[in-house]
């Protein structure tokens, strides 16, 4: 089946293959998070919703690809995605606290089991065969739009904090490349249920990379550097003294004559760091990552 449409249009094969590669990289993006979870044997407050939704999206796309003869690459990558997302969910349930574990199991059963089976049953028994692909394609498109619109909250946070700490560039880059590949794949197949949602994904991906280029450097107060040499210390001392009023300078002179320093040297003025970010441990947990084909 893959060879038939490759011979008909080799560009479809090329974009489908590249879409599989980039989507596979996106599916593997949460691996460092789950390595950390397994090492610490704790989910550390991470949420399971993105993984359950990603599994639901992959199941729907597999069902949609079975209704279209030319959607071979859509089936392959989402089959791999189902396997990977199932592993993520299993690891989360294993190491999550009781409350989070109970919520994850209930949400998984409600969405991925009851929800998917209900859609499957309704389309098989109540929708005629020529219209099934349209109905499932519409559902998949709506779900993809909601998933692609999810980074809006992260983009809003980047603009508000002027920091890209919670928006990794590599993830945004590969999500954008994946959206471009599937956009071209859908256009060449004239499958607008695949092309239109990825148009939105490409737009949001480019917006994220533009924000990253704007806010990649911190714009807070710069760190005050302490003087390293004796000459620098004397320069800072003279500068500080010159900014004081003449009366205060005279009083300080009288005080110095009355109580000279015991070792004959002046201690350098204490300089405080003006930016708390550099004065404390600011390690943050990585954000949750949404995966979609």
Protein backbone atom coordinates (compact mmCIF):
# COMPACT_ATOMS: atom_id res chain seq x y z
CA UNK A 1 0.00 0.00 0.00
CA UNK A 2 2.85 2.37 0.81
CA UNK A 3 4.64 1.55 -2.44
CA UNK A 4 1.52 2.22 -4.52
CA UNK A 5 1.16 5.85 -3.57
CA UNK A 6 4.96 6.28 -3.45
CA UNK A 7 5.06 5.43 -7.16
CA UNK A 8 2.07 7.67 -7.78
CA UNK A 9 3.62 10.65 -5.96
CA UNK A 10 7.06 10.22 -4.31
CA UNK A 11 6.57 13.51 -2.40
CA UNK A 12 3.77 11.89 -0.40
CA UNK A 13 6.14 9.12 0.64
CA UNK A 14 8.88 11.64 1.52
CA UNK A 15 6.68 13.90 3.65
CA UNK A 16 4.99 10.92 5.30
CA UNK A 17 8.35 9.40 6.22
CA UNK A 18 9.70 12.70 7.56
CA UNK A 19 6.47 13.23 9.47
CA UNK A 20 6.97 9.83 11.13
CA UNK A 21 10.54 10.68 12.09
CA UNK A 22 9.77 14.08 13.62
CA UNK A 23 6.62 12.85 15.34
CA UNK A 24 8.61 9.97 16.83
CA UNK A 25 11.08 12.49 18.27
CA UNK A 26 8.15 14.43 19.77
CA UNK A 27 6.72 11.24 21.30
CA UNK A 28 10.09 10.59 22.95
CA UNK A 29 10.32 14.12 24.40
CA UNK A 30 8.93 13.12 27.86
CA UNK A 31 11.55 10.36 28.30
CA UNK A 32 13.84 12.52 30.53
CA UNK A 33 10.82 13.35 32.69
CA UNK A 34 9.96 9.69 33.25
CA UNK A 35 13.60 8.76 33.81
CA UNK A 36 13.54 11.27 36.64
CA UNK A 37 10.24 9.83 37.89
CA UNK A 38 11.66 6.29 37.94
CA UNK A 39 14.86 7.42 39.62
CA UNK A 40 13.04 9.28 42.41
CA UNK A 41 10.07 6.89 42.45
CA UNK A 42 7.74 9.88 42.55
CA UNK A 43 5.77 11.87 39.96
CA UNK A 44 6.60 15.09 41.87
CA UNK A 45 3.27 16.74 41.12
CA UNK A 46 3.32 16.09 37.36
CA UNK A 47 -0.07 15.56 35.74
CA UNK A 48 -1.15 12.63 33.59
CA UNK A 49 -3.77 14.45 31.50
CA UNK A 50 -1.48 15.17 28.48
CA UNK A 51 -0.54 11.50 28.14
CA UNK A 52 -4.10 10.21 28.41
CA UNK A 53 -5.28 12.76 25.81
CA UNK A 54 -2.34 11.92 23.52
CA UNK A 55 -3.27 8.23 23.67
CA UNK A 56 -6.89 9.06 22.85
CA UNK A 57 -5.78 11.17 19.86
CA UNK A 58 -3.51 8.38 18.59
CA UNK A 59 -6.33 5.81 18.84
CA UNK A 60 -8.69 8.03 16.86
CA UNK A 61 -6.08 8.67 14.17
CA UNK A 62 -5.45 4.93 13.81
CA UNK A 63 -9.18 4.38 13.36
CA UNK A 64 -9.30 7.23 10.83
CA UNK A 65 -6.38 5.76 8.87
CA UNK A 66 -8.19 2.42 8.56
CA UNK A 67 -11.01 4.22 6.75
CA UNK A 68 -8.64 5.71 4.14
CA UNK A 69 -6.47 3.51 1.95
CA UNK A 70 -3.69 6.12 1.53
CA UNK A 71 -3.12 6.91 5.23
CA UNK A 72 -0.38 4.32 5.75
CA UNK A 73 2.10 6.66 7.46
CA UNK A 74 -0.61 8.06 9.70
CA UNK A 75 -1.28 4.55 10.95
CA UNK A 76 2.38 3.63 11.54
CA UNK A 77 3.35 6.63 13.66
CA UNK A 78 0.17 6.56 15.74
CA UNK A 79 0.59 2.84 16.40
CA UNK A 80 4.04 3.61 17.78
CA UNK A 81 2.56 6.56 19.66
CA UNK A 82 -0.06 4.36 21.33
CA UNK A 83 2.65 2.02 22.57
CA UNK A 84 4.80 4.85 23.93
CA UNK A 85 1.92 6.70 25.60
CA UNK A 86 0.71 3.47 27.23
CA UNK A 87 4.15 3.03 28.79
CA UNK A 88 4.06 6.61 30.08
CA UNK A 89 0.64 6.10 31.65
CA UNK A 90 1.70 2.80 33.23
CA UNK A 91 4.80 4.40 34.77
CA UNK A 92 2.74 7.31 36.04
CA UNK A 93 0.21 5.00 37.70
CA UNK A 94 3.07 3.02 39.26
CA UNK A 95 4.81 5.97 40.93
CA UNK A 96 1.96 8.46 41.47
CA UNK A 97 0.44 9.04 44.92
CA UNK A 98 -2.90 7.43 45.68
CA UNK A 99 -5.07 10.44 44.78
CA UNK A 100 -3.30 11.11 41.46
CA UNK A 101 -3.27 7.39 40.65
CA UNK A 102 -7.02 7.10 41.21
CA UNK A 103 -7.71 10.15 39.03
CA UNK A 104 -5.47 8.83 36.23
CA UNK A 105 -7.13 5.39 36.19
CA UNK A 106 -10.62 6.93 36.12
CA UNK A 107 -9.72 9.44 33.43
CA UNK A 108 -8.03 6.73 31.33
CA UNK A 109 -11.08 4.44 31.55
CA UNK A 110 -13.49 7.30 30.81
CA UNK A 111 -11.66 8.76 27.80
CA UNK A 112 -9.51 6.02 26.26
CA UNK A 113 -11.81 3.06 26.91
CA UNK A 114 -15.41 4.26 27.23
CA UNK A 115 -14.98 7.33 25.01
CA UNK A 116 -13.14 5.59 22.19
CA UNK A 117 -15.40 2.52 22.25
CA UNK A 118 -18.48 4.75 22.15
CA UNK A 119 -17.20 6.62 19.09
CA UNK A 120 -16.30 3.33 17.45
CA UNK A 121 -19.75 1.84 18.11
CA UNK A 122 -21.69 4.94 17.01
CA UNK A 123 -19.79 5.34 13.74
CA UNK A 124 -20.00 1.62 12.93
CA UNK A 125 -23.73 1.17 13.56
CA UNK A 126 -25.28 4.64 13.10
CA UNK A 127 -23.13 6.22 10.38
CA UNK A 128 -23.08 4.94 6.82
CA UNK A 129 -19.72 3.76 5.52
CA UNK A 130 -19.17 6.61 2.98
CA UNK A 131 -19.55 9.18 5.80
CA UNK A 132 -17.54 7.47 8.54
CA UNK A 133 -14.21 8.95 7.45
CA UNK A 134 -15.72 12.45 7.46
CA UNK A 135 -17.17 12.06 10.95
CA UNK A 136 -13.95 10.64 12.44
CA UNK A 137 -11.87 13.16 10.51
CA UNK A 138 -13.95 16.00 11.95
CA UNK A 139 -13.51 14.62 15.48
CA UNK A 140 -9.75 14.16 14.98
CA UNK A 141 -9.43 17.66 13.55
CA UNK A 142 -11.24 19.21 16.51
CA UNK A 143 -9.09 17.29 18.98
CA UNK A 144 -5.91 18.26 17.14
CA UNK A 145 -6.92 21.93 17.20
CA UNK A 146 -7.46 21.79 20.97
CA UNK A 147 -4.07 20.10 21.43
CA UNK A 148 -2.28 22.62 19.21
CA UNK A 149 -4.00 25.49 21.06
CA UNK A 150 -2.76 24.20 24.44
CA UNK A 151 0.66 25.99 24.17
CA UNK A 152 -1.16 29.34 24.31
CA UNK A 153 -0.98 29.22 28.11
CA UNK A 154 2.79 28.65 27.94
CA UNK A 155 3.19 31.50 25.44
CA UNK A 156 1.19 33.80 27.71
CA UNK A 157 3.44 32.84 30.62
CA UNK A 158 6.57 33.55 28.54
CA UNK A 159 5.28 37.02 27.66
CA UNK A 160 4.30 37.75 31.27
CA UNK A 161 7.55 36.54 32.86
CA UNK A 162 9.82 37.42 29.91
CA UNK A 163 11.50 34.03 30.38
CA UNK A 164 11.58 30.91 28.18
CA UNK A 165 12.39 28.60 31.08
CA UNK A 166 9.17 26.61 30.63
CA UNK A 167 9.22 26.56 26.80
CA UNK A 168 12.13 24.41 25.56
CA UNK A 169 13.31 25.40 22.10
CA UNK A 170 13.99 21.84 20.93
CA UNK A 171 10.41 20.74 21.61
CA UNK A 172 8.95 23.79 19.84
CA UNK A 173 11.31 23.24 16.90
CA UNK A 174 10.42 19.57 16.36
CA UNK A 175 6.70 20.23 16.88
CA UNK A 176 6.88 22.86 14.14
CA UNK A 177 8.77 20.55 11.77
CA UNK A 178 6.28 17.76 12.45
CA UNK A 179 3.36 20.11 11.71
CA UNK A 180 5.00 21.20 8.43
CA UNK A 181 5.53 17.60 7.29
CA UNK A 182 1.95 16.55 8.05
CA UNK A 183 0.61 19.74 6.50
CA UNK A 184 2.36 18.96 3.22
CA UNK A 185 1.34 15.31 3.50
CA UNK A 186 -2.33 16.26 3.93
CA UNK A 187 -2.25 18.78 1.09
CA UNK A 188 -0.71 16.29 -1.34
CA UNK A 189 -3.32 13.67 -0.40
CA UNK A 190 -6.02 16.36 -0.46
CA UNK A 191 -6.92 15.31 3.06
CA UNK A 192 -7.96 18.56 4.73
CA UNK A 193 -8.74 16.81 8.03
CA UNK A 194 -4.98 16.31 8.33
CA UNK A 195 -3.81 19.52 6.65
CA UNK A 196 -5.99 22.13 8.43
CA UNK A 197 -5.13 21.27 12.06
CA UNK A 198 -1.43 21.18 11.20
CA UNK A 199 -1.73 24.64 9.67
CA UNK A 200 -2.64 25.84 13.14
CA UNK A 201 0.18 23.76 14.63
CA UNK A 202 2.70 25.37 12.25
CA UNK A 203 1.41 28.86 13.14
CA UNK A 204 1.68 28.29 16.90
CA UNK A 205 5.08 26.61 16.48
CA UNK A 206 6.49 29.60 14.62
CA UNK A 207 5.03 31.94 17.25
CA UNK A 208 6.77 29.95 20.00
CA UNK A 209 10.14 30.14 18.24
CA UNK A 210 9.73 33.88 17.69
CA UNK A 211 8.99 34.33 21.40
CA UNK A 212 12.04 32.23 22.20
CA UNK A 213 14.20 34.48 20.03
CA UNK A 214 12.83 37.58 21.80
CA UNK A 215 13.01 36.38 25.41
CA UNK A 216 15.91 33.91 25.30
CA UNK A 217 18.07 36.29 27.36
CA UNK A 218 17.02 37.40 30.87
CA UNK A 219 16.02 41.06 30.99
CA UNK A 220 16.02 41.49 34.76
CA UNK A 221 18.57 43.46 36.74
CA UNK A 222 22.16 42.55 36.02
CA UNK A 223 24.28 40.97 38.69
CA UNK A 224 26.63 43.33 40.52
CA UNK A 225 30.20 42.08 40.23
CA UNK A 226 32.36 42.29 43.35
CA UNK A 227 35.81 43.91 42.97
CA UNK A 228 38.59 41.37 42.66
CA UNK A 229 41.74 43.50 43.15
CA UNK A 230 42.90 46.06 45.68
CA UNK A 231 42.84 48.83 43.08
CA UNK A 232 39.20 48.06 42.29
CA UNK A 233 38.34 48.16 45.99
CA UNK A 234 39.94 51.61 46.37
CA UNK A 235 38.06 52.85 43.27
CA UNK A 236 34.71 51.65 44.65
CA UNK A 237 35.49 53.21 48.03
CA UNK A 238 36.37 56.58 46.49
CA UNK A 239 33.25 56.53 44.31
CA UNK A 240 31.03 55.81 47.30
CA UNK A 241 32.69 58.57 49.34
CA UNK A 242 32.33 61.15 46.55
CA UNK A 243 28.57 60.60 46.43
CA UNK A 244 28.13 61.59 50.10
CA UNK A 245 27.43 65.15 51.25
CA UNK A 246 30.34 67.32 52.52
CA UNK A 247 28.95 67.36 56.08
CA UNK A 248 28.72 63.59 56.23
CA UNK A 249 32.23 63.42 54.81
CA UNK A 250 33.55 65.71 57.57
CA UNK A 251 31.77 63.64 60.24
CA UNK A 252 33.26 60.48 58.87
CA UNK A 253 36.70 62.15 58.86
CA UNK A 254 36.33 63.11 62.54
CA UNK A 255 35.21 59.59 63.36
CA UNK A 256 38.19 58.12 61.59
CA UNK A 257 40.61 60.34 63.56
CA UNK A 258 38.97 59.44 66.86
CA UNK A 259 38.80 55.71 66.17
CA UNK A 260 41.41 54.58 63.67
CA UNK A 261 41.24 51.11 62.25
CA UNK A 262 43.16 48.51 64.17
CA UNK A 263 45.02 47.12 61.17
CA UNK A 264 45.33 50.34 59.20
CA UNK A 265 43.12 49.21 56.34
CA UNK A 266 39.55 49.98 55.38
CA UNK A 267 37.18 47.05 54.73
CA UNK A 268 35.51 47.17 51.33
CA UNK A 269 31.83 48.09 51.31
CA UNK A 270 29.41 45.18 51.25
CA UNK A 271 27.71 44.90 47.90
CA UNK A 272 24.40 43.08 47.65
CA UNK A 273 23.18 41.23 44.62
CA UNK A 274 20.21 43.08 43.12
CA UNK A 275 18.73 40.06 41.41
CA UNK A 276 17.30 37.32 43.61
CA UNK A 277 17.46 34.87 40.70
CA UNK A 278 21.22 34.64 41.05
CA UNK A 279 21.17 34.50 44.86
CA UNK A 280 19.09 31.38 45.41
CA UNK A 281 18.53 27.94 44.01
CA UNK A 282 16.01 28.32 41.20
CA UNK A 283 15.72 24.76 39.96
CA UNK A 284 12.28 24.09 38.54
CA UNK A 285 10.68 20.84 37.44
CA UNK A 286 10.31 20.52 33.70
CA UNK A 287 6.91 21.22 32.35
CA UNK A 288 4.55 18.57 31.17
CA UNK A 289 4.87 17.83 27.50
CA UNK A 290 1.98 17.24 25.08
CA UNK A 291 2.64 14.82 22.26
CA UNK A 292 0.63 14.66 19.09
CA UNK A 293 1.13 13.38 15.61
